[in-house]
Amino acid sequence: MIFGISYAEWIGYIVVVVLVIVFGLPNAWVKRLEKYYSSDHLHRAVSPDEVDAVILRDSDGNERALESGERERIIDLFNAAKPVQKIESLANTQQGPLLRMVRTDGNSLVIAPYRNDFVVSCFNAKKNDRPITYWAKQDALTEFLHRGAGND
């Protein structure tokens, strides 16, 4: 007995402390890794005030700026896209309509059909870097792009 507590109780306390450490530390590591490898930072919501124009280029190469109602609908659909995943290279890209959002800060987003969903490429006007490209899923926006974009 130590301090009036039996050895069996001391062993129980030690086992509990070891279990807390064994199950607690990996959880903290997993949370840190999850934050580091998460794709949540890729897809940021865009407010209609931040967008100067949404330009639709159809399959034939003709471009037109979307009206304000269509533009806000596309922005809402874009903001609702989930899940997202960063991709390094594009394979199986499709020729078809593209949406280009020109933002007030000079940056632009290009939304293009990709397999059964779409990809977003973020171009930074101030940097001469490669665009950041990620895959996203939003059924209504995907349908809009795959249908030819003009046949609502």
N, C-alpha and C. Protein backbone atom coordinates (compact mmCIF):
# COMPACT_ATOMS: atom_id res chain seq x y z
N MET A 1 0.82 -1.18 0.00
CA MET A 1 0.00 0.00 0.00
C MET A 1 0.87 1.25 0.00
N ILE A 2 0.48 2.19 -0.85
CA ILE A 2 1.18 3.47 -0.91
C ILE A 2 0.14 4.55 -0.65
N PHE A 3 0.41 5.39 0.34
CA PHE A 3 -0.52 6.46 0.74
C PHE A 3 -1.91 5.93 1.07
N GLY A 4 -1.99 4.75 1.53
CA GLY A 4 -3.25 4.15 1.91
C GLY A 4 -4.06 3.63 0.74
N ILE A 5 -3.45 3.56 -0.44
CA ILE A 5 -4.15 3.06 -1.63
C ILE A 5 -3.49 1.74 -2.03
N SER A 6 -4.32 0.76 -2.31
CA SER A 6 -3.78 -0.56 -2.63
C SER A 6 -3.07 -0.55 -3.98
N TYR A 7 -2.21 -1.54 -4.13
CA TYR A 7 -1.45 -1.66 -5.39
C TYR A 7 -2.38 -1.88 -6.58
N ALA A 8 -3.47 -2.58 -6.40
CA ALA A 8 -4.43 -2.82 -7.49
C ALA A 8 -5.03 -1.51 -7.98
N GLU A 9 -5.36 -0.61 -7.05
CA GLU A 9 -5.90 0.69 -7.46
C GLU A 9 -4.85 1.51 -8.19
N TRP A 10 -3.61 1.49 -7.72
CA TRP A 10 -2.53 2.21 -8.39
C TRP A 10 -2.36 1.69 -9.81
N ILE A 11 -2.41 0.39 -9.97
CA ILE A 11 -2.29 -0.19 -11.32
C ILE A 11 -3.45 0.28 -12.20
N GLY A 12 -4.64 0.34 -11.62
CA GLY A 12 -5.81 0.83 -12.36
C GLY A 12 -5.63 2.27 -12.80
N TYR A 13 -5.12 3.13 -11.90
CA TYR A 13 -4.87 4.53 -12.26
C TYR A 13 -3.83 4.65 -13.37
N ILE A 14 -2.79 3.87 -13.26
CA ILE A 14 -1.73 3.90 -14.27
C ILE A 14 -2.26 3.44 -15.62
N VAL A 15 -3.06 2.38 -15.61
CA VAL A 15 -3.65 1.88 -16.86
C VAL A 15 -4.55 2.94 -17.49
N VAL A 16 -5.34 3.63 -16.69
CA VAL A 16 -6.23 4.68 -17.22
C VAL A 16 -5.41 5.82 -17.82
N VAL A 17 -4.37 6.26 -17.16
CA VAL A 17 -3.52 7.34 -17.68
C VAL A 17 -2.87 6.91 -18.99
N VAL A 18 -2.37 5.68 -19.04
CA VAL A 18 -1.75 5.19 -20.27
C VAL A 18 -2.77 5.11 -21.39
N LEU A 19 -3.98 4.66 -21.12
CA LEU A 19 -5.02 4.59 -22.15
C LEU A 19 -5.40 5.98 -22.66
N VAL A 20 -5.50 6.95 -21.76
CA VAL A 20 -5.81 8.31 -22.17
C VAL A 20 -4.72 8.83 -23.10
N ILE A 21 -3.47 8.58 -22.76
CA ILE A 21 -2.36 9.02 -23.61
C ILE A 21 -2.38 8.28 -24.94
N VAL A 22 -2.58 6.97 -24.90
CA VAL A 22 -2.56 6.17 -26.13
C VAL A 22 -3.67 6.58 -27.08
N PHE A 23 -4.86 6.86 -26.56
CA PHE A 23 -5.96 7.23 -27.45
C PHE A 23 -6.06 8.73 -27.70
N GLY A 24 -5.48 9.54 -26.85
CA GLY A 24 -5.56 10.99 -27.00
C GLY A 24 -4.55 11.56 -27.96
N LEU A 25 -3.32 11.12 -27.89
CA LEU A 25 -2.28 11.67 -28.76
C LEU A 25 -2.51 11.39 -30.23
N PRO A 26 -2.83 10.16 -30.61
CA PRO A 26 -3.09 9.95 -32.04
C PRO A 26 -4.26 10.79 -32.55
N ASN A 27 -5.27 11.01 -31.71
CA ASN A 27 -6.39 11.84 -32.12
C ASN A 27 -5.93 13.27 -32.41
N ALA A 28 -5.05 13.79 -31.57
CA ALA A 28 -4.51 15.14 -31.81
C ALA A 28 -3.69 15.16 -33.10
N TRP A 29 -2.91 14.12 -33.34
CA TRP A 29 -2.13 14.05 -34.57
C TRP A 29 -3.03 13.96 -35.80
N VAL A 30 -4.08 13.16 -35.68
CA VAL A 30 -5.01 13.02 -36.81
C VAL A 30 -5.68 14.35 -37.10
N LYS A 31 -6.08 15.08 -36.08
CA LYS A 31 -6.70 16.40 -36.29
C LYS A 31 -5.74 17.35 -36.98
N ARG A 32 -4.48 17.32 -36.58
CA ARG A 32 -3.48 18.19 -37.21
C ARG A 32 -3.27 17.80 -38.67
N LEU A 33 -3.18 16.50 -38.95
CA LEU A 33 -3.01 16.03 -40.32
C LEU A 33 -4.24 16.33 -41.16
N GLU A 34 -5.41 16.18 -40.56
CA GLU A 34 -6.65 16.46 -41.28
C GLU A 34 -6.70 17.93 -41.69
N LYS A 35 -6.29 18.81 -40.80
CA LYS A 35 -6.28 20.23 -41.14
C LYS A 35 -5.28 20.52 -42.25
N TYR A 36 -4.13 19.85 -42.20
CA TYR A 36 -3.09 20.08 -43.20
C TYR A 36 -3.50 19.55 -44.57
N TYR A 37 -4.10 18.36 -44.63
CA TYR A 37 -4.43 17.74 -45.91
C TYR A 37 -5.86 18.01 -46.36
N SER A 38 -6.59 18.79 -45.65
CA SER A 38 -7.98 19.07 -45.98
C SER A 38 -8.07 19.92 -47.25
N SER A 39 -9.16 19.75 -47.98
CA SER A 39 -9.39 20.52 -49.20
C SER A 39 -10.32 21.70 -48.96
N ASP A 40 -10.69 21.95 -47.72
CA ASP A 40 -11.64 23.01 -47.43
C ASP A 40 -11.14 24.39 -47.83
N HIS A 41 -9.84 24.60 -47.83
CA HIS A 41 -9.30 25.91 -48.16
C HIS A 41 -9.35 26.20 -49.66
N LEU A 42 -9.59 25.19 -50.47
CA LEU A 42 -9.59 25.38 -51.92
C LEU A 42 -10.82 26.15 -52.40
N HIS A 43 -11.97 25.72 -51.94
CA HIS A 43 -13.23 26.24 -52.47
C HIS A 43 -13.78 27.29 -51.52
N ARG A 44 -13.66 28.53 -51.92
CA ARG A 44 -14.16 29.62 -51.11
C ARG A 44 -15.39 30.21 -51.78
N ALA A 45 -16.36 30.56 -50.96
CA ALA A 45 -17.58 31.15 -51.48
C ALA A 45 -17.28 32.51 -52.12
N VAL A 46 -18.02 32.81 -53.14
CA VAL A 46 -17.88 34.07 -53.87
C VAL A 46 -19.19 34.82 -53.73
N SER A 47 -19.12 36.06 -53.31
CA SER A 47 -20.34 36.85 -53.24
C SER A 47 -20.58 37.53 -54.59
N PRO A 48 -21.84 37.79 -54.93
CA PRO A 48 -22.12 38.44 -56.22
C PRO A 48 -21.45 39.80 -56.35
N ASP A 49 -21.17 40.48 -55.23
CA ASP A 49 -20.51 41.78 -55.30
C ASP A 49 -19.05 41.67 -55.72
N GLU A 50 -18.44 40.49 -55.52
CA GLU A 50 -17.04 40.29 -55.87
C GLU A 50 -16.84 39.93 -57.33
N VAL A 51 -17.93 39.70 -58.04
CA VAL A 51 -17.83 39.22 -59.42
C VAL A 51 -18.24 40.33 -60.39
N ASP A 52 -17.33 40.69 -61.28
CA ASP A 52 -17.64 41.68 -62.31
C ASP A 52 -18.52 41.09 -63.40
N ALA A 53 -18.18 39.87 -63.84
CA ALA A 53 -18.93 39.25 -64.92
C ALA A 53 -18.77 37.74 -64.86
N VAL A 54 -19.80 37.06 -65.34
CA VAL A 54 -19.72 35.62 -65.57
C VAL A 54 -19.92 35.44 -67.06
N ILE A 55 -18.89 34.91 -67.70
CA ILE A 55 -18.89 34.78 -69.16
C ILE A 55 -19.03 33.31 -69.52
N LEU A 56 -19.96 33.02 -70.38
CA LEU A 56 -20.21 31.66 -70.84
C LEU A 56 -19.64 31.51 -72.24
N ARG A 57 -18.76 30.53 -72.42
CA ARG A 57 -18.27 30.20 -73.76
C ARG A 57 -18.87 28.86 -74.12
N ASP A 58 -19.65 28.82 -75.17
CA ASP A 58 -20.30 27.56 -75.55
C ASP A 58 -19.33 26.67 -76.33
N SER A 59 -19.81 25.51 -76.74
CA SER A 59 -18.96 24.53 -77.43
C SER A 59 -18.42 25.04 -78.75
N ASP A 60 -19.10 25.99 -79.36
CA ASP A 60 -18.66 26.55 -80.64
C ASP A 60 -17.65 27.67 -80.48
N GLY A 61 -17.38 28.10 -79.27
CA GLY A 61 -16.43 29.18 -79.02
C GLY A 61 -17.06 30.55 -78.90
N ASN A 62 -18.38 30.62 -78.99
CA ASN A 62 -19.07 31.90 -78.85
C ASN A 62 -19.16 32.26 -77.37
N GLU A 63 -18.92 33.53 -77.06
CA GLU A 63 -18.96 33.98 -75.68
C GLU A 63 -20.07 34.98 -75.48
N ARG A 64 -20.68 34.91 -74.28
CA ARG A 64 -21.67 35.91 -73.91
C ARG A 64 -21.63 36.09 -72.40
N ALA A 65 -21.88 37.31 -71.96
CA ALA A 65 -21.95 37.59 -70.53
C ALA A 65 -23.34 37.22 -70.04
N LEU A 66 -23.42 36.56 -68.91
CA LEU A 66 -24.72 36.16 -68.36
C LEU A 66 -25.42 37.36 -67.74
N GLU A 67 -26.73 37.37 -67.85
CA GLU A 67 -27.54 38.42 -67.24
C GLU A 67 -27.47 38.29 -65.72
N SER A 68 -27.92 39.29 -65.00
CA SER A 68 -27.76 39.31 -63.54
C SER A 68 -28.47 38.14 -62.86
N GLY A 69 -29.65 37.76 -63.32
CA GLY A 69 -30.37 36.63 -62.71
C GLY A 69 -29.63 35.31 -62.90
N GLU A 70 -29.18 35.07 -64.13
CA GLU A 70 -28.40 33.87 -64.42
C GLU A 70 -27.08 33.88 -63.67
N ARG A 71 -26.47 35.04 -63.65
CA ARG A 71 -25.17 35.20 -62.99
C ARG A 71 -25.27 34.85 -61.51
N GLU A 72 -26.28 35.37 -60.84
CA GLU A 72 -26.45 35.08 -59.41
C GLU A 72 -26.77 33.61 -59.18
N ARG A 73 -27.53 33.01 -60.09
CA ARG A 73 -27.83 31.58 -59.96
C ARG A 73 -26.56 30.75 -60.09
N ILE A 74 -25.72 31.07 -61.05
CA ILE A 74 -24.45 30.35 -61.24
C ILE A 74 -23.55 30.53 -60.02
N ILE A 75 -23.50 31.74 -59.48
CA ILE A 75 -22.67 31.99 -58.28
C ILE A 75 -23.20 31.19 -57.10
N ASP A 76 -24.52 31.14 -56.93
CA ASP A 76 -25.10 30.34 -55.84
C ASP A 76 -24.79 28.86 -56.01
N LEU A 77 -24.91 28.36 -57.24
CA LEU A 77 -24.60 26.95 -57.49
C LEU A 77 -23.12 26.67 -57.25
N PHE A 78 -22.26 27.59 -57.67
CA PHE A 78 -20.82 27.43 -57.44
C PHE A 78 -20.52 27.39 -55.94
N ASN A 79 -21.14 28.28 -55.18
CA ASN A 79 -20.89 28.32 -53.74
C ASN A 79 -21.39 27.06 -53.04
N ALA A 80 -22.38 26.39 -53.60
CA ALA A 80 -22.95 25.19 -52.98
C ALA A 80 -22.18 23.92 -53.34
N ALA A 81 -21.16 24.02 -54.15
CA ALA A 81 -20.42 22.84 -54.60
C ALA A 81 -19.68 22.18 -53.44
N LYS A 82 -19.88 20.89 -53.30
CA LYS A 82 -19.17 20.06 -52.31
C LYS A 82 -19.21 18.66 -52.83
N PRO A 83 -18.36 17.81 -52.58
CA PRO A 83 -17.05 17.98 -51.99
C PRO A 83 -16.08 18.51 -53.04
N VAL A 84 -14.91 18.87 -52.61
CA VAL A 84 -13.87 19.33 -53.53
C VAL A 84 -12.60 18.53 -53.27
N GLN A 85 -11.79 18.42 -54.30
CA GLN A 85 -10.52 17.70 -54.16
C GLN A 85 -9.53 18.29 -55.15
N LYS A 86 -8.34 18.60 -54.67
CA LYS A 86 -7.32 19.17 -55.53
C LYS A 86 -6.83 18.10 -56.49
N ILE A 87 -6.62 18.49 -57.74
CA ILE A 87 -6.08 17.57 -58.73
C ILE A 87 -4.86 18.22 -59.35
N GLU A 88 -3.87 17.40 -59.64
CA GLU A 88 -2.61 17.92 -60.18
C GLU A 88 -2.65 18.04 -61.70
N SER A 89 -3.17 17.01 -62.36
CA SER A 89 -3.22 17.06 -63.82
C SER A 89 -4.60 16.63 -64.28
N LEU A 90 -5.02 17.22 -65.37
CA LEU A 90 -6.34 16.93 -65.90
C LEU A 90 -6.26 15.84 -66.96
N ALA A 91 -6.92 14.75 -66.71
CA ALA A 91 -7.06 13.68 -67.70
C ALA A 91 -8.54 13.57 -68.02
N ASN A 92 -8.85 13.15 -69.19
CA ASN A 92 -10.24 12.98 -69.62
C ASN A 92 -11.02 14.29 -69.59
N THR A 93 -10.38 15.37 -69.99
CA THR A 93 -11.12 16.63 -70.07
C THR A 93 -12.04 16.58 -71.27
N GLN A 94 -13.11 17.30 -71.17
CA GLN A 94 -14.11 17.30 -72.24
C GLN A 94 -14.13 18.67 -72.90
N GLN A 95 -14.35 18.67 -74.18
CA GLN A 95 -14.59 19.92 -74.86
C GLN A 95 -16.05 20.27 -74.60
N GLY A 96 -16.29 21.48 -74.33
CA GLY A 96 -17.65 21.88 -74.06
C GLY A 96 -17.70 23.29 -73.52
N PRO A 97 -18.82 23.65 -72.96
CA PRO A 97 -18.96 25.02 -72.47
C PRO A 97 -18.07 25.27 -71.26
N LEU A 98 -17.65 26.51 -71.14
CA LEU A 98 -16.86 26.95 -70.00
C LEU A 98 -17.55 28.15 -69.38
N LEU A 99 -17.45 28.26 -68.07
CA LEU A 99 -17.90 29.46 -67.38
C LEU A 99 -16.66 30.14 -66.82
N ARG A 100 -16.56 31.43 -67.03
CA ARG A 100 -15.43 32.18 -66.47
C ARG A 100 -15.99 33.30 -65.61
N MET A 101 -15.61 33.28 -64.33
CA MET A 101 -16.00 34.34 -63.41
C MET A 101 -14.84 35.31 -63.30
N VAL A 102 -15.08 36.53 -63.70
CA VAL A 102 -14.07 37.58 -63.59
C VAL A 102 -14.37 38.34 -62.31
N ARG A 103 -13.43 38.31 -61.38
CA ARG A 103 -13.64 38.94 -60.08
C ARG A 103 -13.14 40.38 -60.09
N THR A 104 -13.63 41.16 -59.15
CA THR A 104 -13.26 42.58 -59.09
C THR A 104 -11.79 42.78 -58.77
N ASP A 105 -11.15 41.81 -58.11
CA ASP A 105 -9.73 41.94 -57.77
C ASP A 105 -8.82 41.53 -58.92
N GLY A 106 -9.39 41.18 -60.07
CA GLY A 106 -8.60 40.81 -61.24
C GLY A 106 -8.40 39.31 -61.39
N ASN A 107 -8.65 38.55 -60.34
CA ASN A 107 -8.53 37.10 -60.42
C ASN A 107 -9.73 36.54 -61.20
N SER A 108 -9.56 35.35 -61.70
CA SER A 108 -10.68 34.72 -62.40
C SER A 108 -10.76 33.25 -62.06
N LEU A 109 -11.96 32.72 -62.19
CA LEU A 109 -12.23 31.30 -61.98
C LEU A 109 -12.79 30.75 -63.27
N VAL A 110 -12.27 29.62 -63.72
CA VAL A 110 -12.79 28.98 -64.92
C VAL A 110 -13.40 27.65 -64.49
N ILE A 111 -14.66 27.46 -64.84
CA ILE A 111 -15.38 26.24 -64.50
C ILE A 111 -15.61 25.47 -65.79
N ALA A 112 -15.13 24.23 -65.83
CA ALA A 112 -15.21 23.43 -67.06
C ALA A 112 -15.73 22.04 -66.73
N PRO A 113 -16.45 21.40 -67.66
CA PRO A 113 -16.90 20.03 -67.42
C PRO A 113 -15.72 19.08 -67.28
N TYR A 114 -15.87 18.11 -66.41
CA TYR A 114 -14.81 17.12 -66.19
C TYR A 114 -15.48 15.83 -65.75
N ARG A 115 -15.36 14.81 -66.59
CA ARG A 115 -16.02 13.53 -66.33
C ARG A 115 -17.50 13.79 -66.08
N ASN A 116 -18.01 13.41 -64.91
CA ASN A 116 -19.42 13.64 -64.63
C ASN A 116 -19.63 14.82 -63.69
N ASP A 117 -18.62 15.61 -63.50
CA ASP A 117 -18.71 16.76 -62.61
C ASP A 117 -18.05 17.95 -63.30
N PHE A 118 -17.32 18.77 -62.55
CA PHE A 118 -16.63 19.88 -63.17
C PHE A 118 -15.35 20.18 -62.41
N VAL A 119 -14.46 20.91 -63.07
CA VAL A 119 -13.22 21.37 -62.44
C VAL A 119 -13.24 22.89 -62.40
N VAL A 120 -12.56 23.40 -61.40
CA VAL A 120 -12.43 24.84 -61.24
C VAL A 120 -10.94 25.15 -61.28
N SER A 121 -10.57 26.10 -62.10
CA SER A 121 -9.18 26.58 -62.15
C SER A 121 -9.17 28.02 -61.68
N CYS A 122 -8.37 28.30 -60.67
CA CYS A 122 -8.28 29.64 -60.09
C CYS A 122 -7.02 30.31 -60.63
N PHE A 123 -7.21 31.41 -61.32
CA PHE A 123 -6.09 32.15 -61.89
C PHE A 123 -5.89 33.43 -61.08
N ASN A 124 -4.66 33.64 -60.63
CA ASN A 124 -4.33 34.82 -59.85
C ASN A 124 -3.73 35.86 -60.78
N ALA A 125 -4.32 37.04 -60.83
CA ALA A 125 -3.86 38.08 -61.76
C ALA A 125 -2.53 38.69 -61.33
N LYS A 126 -2.25 38.72 -60.03
CA LYS A 126 -1.04 39.37 -59.55
C LYS A 126 0.18 38.47 -59.60
N LYS A 127 -0.04 37.18 -59.56
CA LYS A 127 1.07 36.23 -59.60
C LYS A 127 1.08 35.55 -60.95
N ASN A 128 2.23 35.15 -61.38
CA ASN A 128 2.36 34.46 -62.65
C ASN A 128 2.53 32.96 -62.39
N ASP A 129 1.76 32.44 -61.43
CA ASP A 129 1.85 31.04 -61.06
C ASP A 129 0.91 30.20 -61.91
N ARG A 130 1.11 28.89 -61.80
CA ARG A 130 0.15 27.98 -62.42
C ARG A 130 -1.17 28.10 -61.69
N PRO A 131 -2.26 27.91 -62.37
CA PRO A 131 -3.55 28.00 -61.69
C PRO A 131 -3.73 26.84 -60.71
N ILE A 132 -4.49 27.08 -59.68
CA ILE A 132 -4.87 26.03 -58.74
C ILE A 132 -6.12 25.38 -59.31
N THR A 133 -6.08 24.07 -59.49
CA THR A 133 -7.19 23.36 -60.10
C THR A 133 -7.73 22.33 -59.13
N TYR A 134 -9.04 22.30 -59.01
CA TYR A 134 -9.66 21.31 -58.15
C TYR A 134 -10.97 20.82 -58.76
N TRP A 135 -11.30 19.60 -58.39
CA TRP A 135 -12.54 18.96 -58.82
C TRP A 135 -13.63 19.34 -57.82
N ALA A 136 -14.84 19.53 -58.30
CA ALA A 136 -15.96 19.85 -57.42
C ALA A 136 -17.21 19.17 -57.94
N LYS A 137 -18.20 19.07 -57.07
CA LYS A 137 -19.45 18.41 -57.43
C LYS A 137 -20.62 19.29 -57.00
N GLN A 138 -21.46 19.60 -57.96
CA GLN A 138 -22.72 20.29 -57.71
C GLN A 138 -23.61 19.90 -58.87
N ASP A 139 -24.64 19.13 -58.60
CA ASP A 139 -25.42 18.50 -59.66
C ASP A 139 -26.05 19.49 -60.63
N ALA A 140 -26.64 20.57 -60.14
CA ALA A 140 -27.31 21.51 -61.04
C ALA A 140 -26.30 22.24 -61.94
N LEU A 141 -25.15 22.60 -61.40
CA LEU A 141 -24.13 23.27 -62.22
C LEU A 141 -23.54 22.29 -63.23
N THR A 142 -23.34 21.05 -62.81
CA THR A 142 -22.84 20.02 -63.73
C THR A 142 -23.83 19.82 -64.87
N GLU A 143 -25.11 19.74 -64.54
CA GLU A 143 -26.14 19.57 -65.57
C GLU A 143 -26.16 20.77 -66.51
N PHE A 144 -26.00 21.96 -65.97
CA PHE A 144 -25.95 23.18 -66.78
C PHE A 144 -24.81 23.11 -67.79
N LEU A 145 -23.63 22.66 -67.33
CA LEU A 145 -22.48 22.58 -68.23
C LEU A 145 -22.61 21.44 -69.24
N HIS A 146 -23.07 20.30 -68.81
CA HIS A 146 -23.15 19.15 -69.71
C HIS A 146 -24.28 19.27 -70.73
N ARG A 147 -25.31 20.02 -70.41
CA ARG A 147 -26.43 20.20 -71.31
C ARG A 147 -26.12 21.18 -72.44
N GLY A 148 -25.08 21.90 -72.29
CA GLY A 148 -24.75 22.87 -73.32
C GLY A 148 -24.91 24.27 -72.83
N ALA A 149 -25.33 24.44 -71.61
CA ALA A 149 -25.36 25.70 -70.91
C ALA A 149 -26.38 26.70 -71.39
N GLY A 150 -26.99 26.53 -72.50
CA GLY A 150 -27.91 27.55 -72.95
C GLY A 150 -29.35 27.12 -72.97
N ASN A 151 -29.62 25.91 -72.62
CA ASN A 151 -30.96 25.37 -72.79
C ASN A 151 -31.71 25.25 -71.48
N ASP A 152 -31.66 26.27 -70.64
CA ASP A 152 -32.37 26.18 -69.37
C ASP A 152 -33.82 26.10 -69.63
